Amino acid sequence: MKSVLVSAVALVDRDGRVLLAQRPEGKSMAGLWEFPGGKVESGETPEAALIRELHEELGIGTWASCLAPLTFASHSYESFHLLMPLFICRKWEGTPRSRENQALKWVRPENLRDFPMPEADIPLIPHLREWL
């Protein structure tokens, strides 16, 4: 089974809310809500991948020093195994805006379970809620 390394981030605003992005139509798992991020390219660190993905997907900038590792997901889907470190970020430049047709929503940690998410993301919620 192929392994895929994806880096994700919980962007936390001043009110303690977390940004979720909804996977757009045409992508696998369309309609599900997830933490922003994406695949780690060859030669990239998970932090560098997040910095790149946040710029591409949301139009914001941050720095590796602002990405604090929290936990990770290890989950087998039907055709691949996902390994996904989850970082916390409270400092960035710009206002997150959808640049890839995904819906965005700021969510209170206690309400994260109200949003349908990919199977790999669900076990991350308790860790995030405990930290926040």
Protein backbone atom coordinates (compact mmCIF):
# COMPACT_ATOMS: atom_id res chain seq x y z
CA MET A 1 0.00 0.00 0.00
CA LYS A 2 1.28 3.44 -0.94
CA SER A 3 2.02 5.88 1.90
CA VAL A 4 1.14 9.56 1.54
CA LEU A 5 2.59 12.31 3.75
CA VAL A 6 0.26 15.27 4.19
CA SER A 7 0.85 18.23 6.49
CA ALA A 8 -2.12 19.98 8.15
CA VAL A 9 -2.59 22.98 10.40
CA ALA A 10 -5.14 24.21 12.90
CA LEU A 11 -5.16 27.96 12.35
CA VAL A 12 -6.43 29.48 15.60
CA ASP A 13 -7.76 33.04 15.59
CA ARG A 14 -7.83 35.53 18.48
CA ASP A 15 -11.25 34.22 19.56
CA GLY A 16 -9.92 30.66 19.86
CA ARG A 17 -11.74 29.45 16.74
CA VAL A 18 -10.21 26.98 14.28
CA LEU A 19 -10.38 27.36 10.50
CA LEU A 20 -11.90 24.47 8.55
CA ALA A 21 -11.95 24.14 4.76
CA GLN A 22 -14.54 22.15 2.84
CA ARG A 23 -13.19 19.90 0.09
CA PRO A 24 -14.60 21.19 -3.22
CA GLU A 25 -16.57 19.21 -5.80
CA GLY A 26 -14.38 17.17 -8.09
CA LYS A 27 -11.86 16.22 -5.39
CA SER A 28 -11.86 12.97 -3.44
CA MET A 29 -13.91 13.24 -0.25
CA ALA A 30 -15.72 16.29 -1.68
CA GLY A 31 -17.97 18.05 0.83
CA LEU A 32 -16.00 16.94 3.90
CA TRP A 33 -14.40 19.54 6.18
CA GLU A 34 -10.70 19.40 6.98
CA PHE A 35 -7.80 21.30 8.46
CA PRO A 36 -5.94 23.28 5.76
CA GLY A 37 -2.77 21.78 4.35
CA GLY A 38 -1.65 19.42 1.64
CA LYS A 39 0.82 16.88 0.35
CA VAL A 40 4.47 17.19 1.30
CA GLU A 41 6.45 17.29 -1.94
CA SER A 42 9.77 15.51 -2.44
CA GLY A 43 12.55 17.39 -0.64
CA GLU A 44 10.09 19.44 1.46
CA THR A 45 9.70 19.42 5.21
CA PRO A 46 6.15 19.27 6.63
CA GLU A 47 6.58 22.88 7.78
CA ALA A 48 7.70 24.07 4.33
CA ALA A 49 4.76 22.25 2.75
CA LEU A 50 2.34 24.06 5.09
CA ILE A 51 3.88 27.45 4.38
CA ARG A 52 3.51 26.77 0.64
CA GLU A 53 -0.01 25.35 0.91
CA LEU A 54 -1.28 28.18 3.12
CA HIS A 55 -0.07 30.70 0.56
CA GLU A 56 -1.53 28.76 -2.39
CA GLU A 57 -4.88 27.82 -0.81
CA LEU A 58 -5.60 30.73 1.55
CA GLY A 59 -3.34 33.59 0.46
CA ILE A 60 -1.67 33.92 3.87
CA GLY A 61 1.94 33.78 4.97
CA THR A 62 3.49 32.28 8.07
CA TRP A 63 6.87 31.02 9.25
CA ALA A 64 8.19 27.66 10.45
CA SER A 65 8.78 29.20 13.89
CA CYS A 66 5.00 29.82 14.15
CA LEU A 67 4.07 26.18 13.45
CA ALA A 68 3.92 24.16 16.66
CA PRO A 69 3.55 20.38 16.21
CA LEU A 70 0.58 19.02 18.17
CA THR A 71 -0.16 15.43 17.10
CA PHE A 72 -0.47 13.29 13.98
CA ALA A 73 -2.89 11.00 12.17
CA SER A 74 -1.97 7.58 10.81
CA HIS A 75 -4.87 6.12 8.87
CA SER A 76 -5.32 3.48 6.17
CA TYR A 77 -7.77 4.35 3.42
CA GLU A 78 -8.72 1.82 0.74
CA SER A 79 -5.91 2.70 -1.67
CA PHE A 80 -3.26 4.45 0.47
CA HIS A 81 -1.99 4.99 4.00
CA LEU A 82 -2.05 8.59 5.24
CA LEU A 83 0.48 9.98 7.68
CA MET A 84 -0.46 13.54 8.64
CA PRO A 85 1.27 15.72 11.23
CA LEU A 86 -1.05 18.41 12.64
CA PHE A 87 0.46 21.74 13.61
CA ILE A 88 -1.05 24.69 15.50
CA CYS A 89 -0.58 28.21 14.17
CA ARG A 90 -1.73 31.43 15.84
CA LYS A 91 0.34 33.92 13.84
CA TRP A 92 0.16 34.66 10.12
CA GLU A 93 0.06 37.58 7.71
CA GLY A 94 -3.06 38.33 5.68
CA THR A 95 -6.67 37.24 5.92
CA PRO A 96 -7.47 33.64 4.97
CA ARG A 97 -9.53 33.61 1.76
CA SER A 98 -10.55 30.72 -0.44
CA ARG A 99 -8.29 30.59 -3.49
CA GLU A 100 -9.27 27.07 -4.62
CA ASN A 101 -13.10 27.21 -4.47
CA GLN A 102 -13.29 25.66 -1.00
CA ALA A 103 -15.74 26.95 1.59
CA LEU A 104 -14.09 28.21 4.80
CA LYS A 105 -15.54 28.37 8.28
CA TRP A 106 -14.18 29.48 11.66
CA VAL A 107 -15.36 26.94 14.24
CA ARG A 108 -15.22 26.82 18.03
CA PRO A 109 -13.27 23.74 19.21
CA GLU A 110 -16.32 22.32 21.00
CA ASN A 111 -18.24 22.38 17.69
CA LEU A 112 -15.65 20.63 15.49
CA ARG A 113 -17.54 17.32 15.69
CA ASP A 114 -20.57 19.00 14.08
CA PHE A 115 -18.77 18.98 10.71
CA PRO A 116 -18.35 15.81 8.63
CA MET A 117 -14.61 15.18 8.25
CA PRO A 118 -12.35 12.59 6.61
CA GLU A 119 -11.81 9.55 8.83
CA ALA A 120 -8.16 10.47 9.48
CA ASP A 121 -9.08 13.91 10.86
CA ILE A 122 -11.66 12.78 13.45
CA PRO A 123 -9.15 11.39 16.03
CA LEU A 124 -7.30 14.73 15.93
CA ILE A 125 -10.26 16.63 17.40
CA PRO A 126 -9.84 15.53 21.06
CA HIS A 127 -6.15 16.49 21.01
CA LEU A 128 -6.97 19.88 19.58
CA ARG A 129 -9.83 20.50 22.02
CA GLU A 130 -7.62 19.56 24.96
CA TRP A 131 -4.87 21.92 23.83
CA LEU A 132 -7.23 24.85 23.22
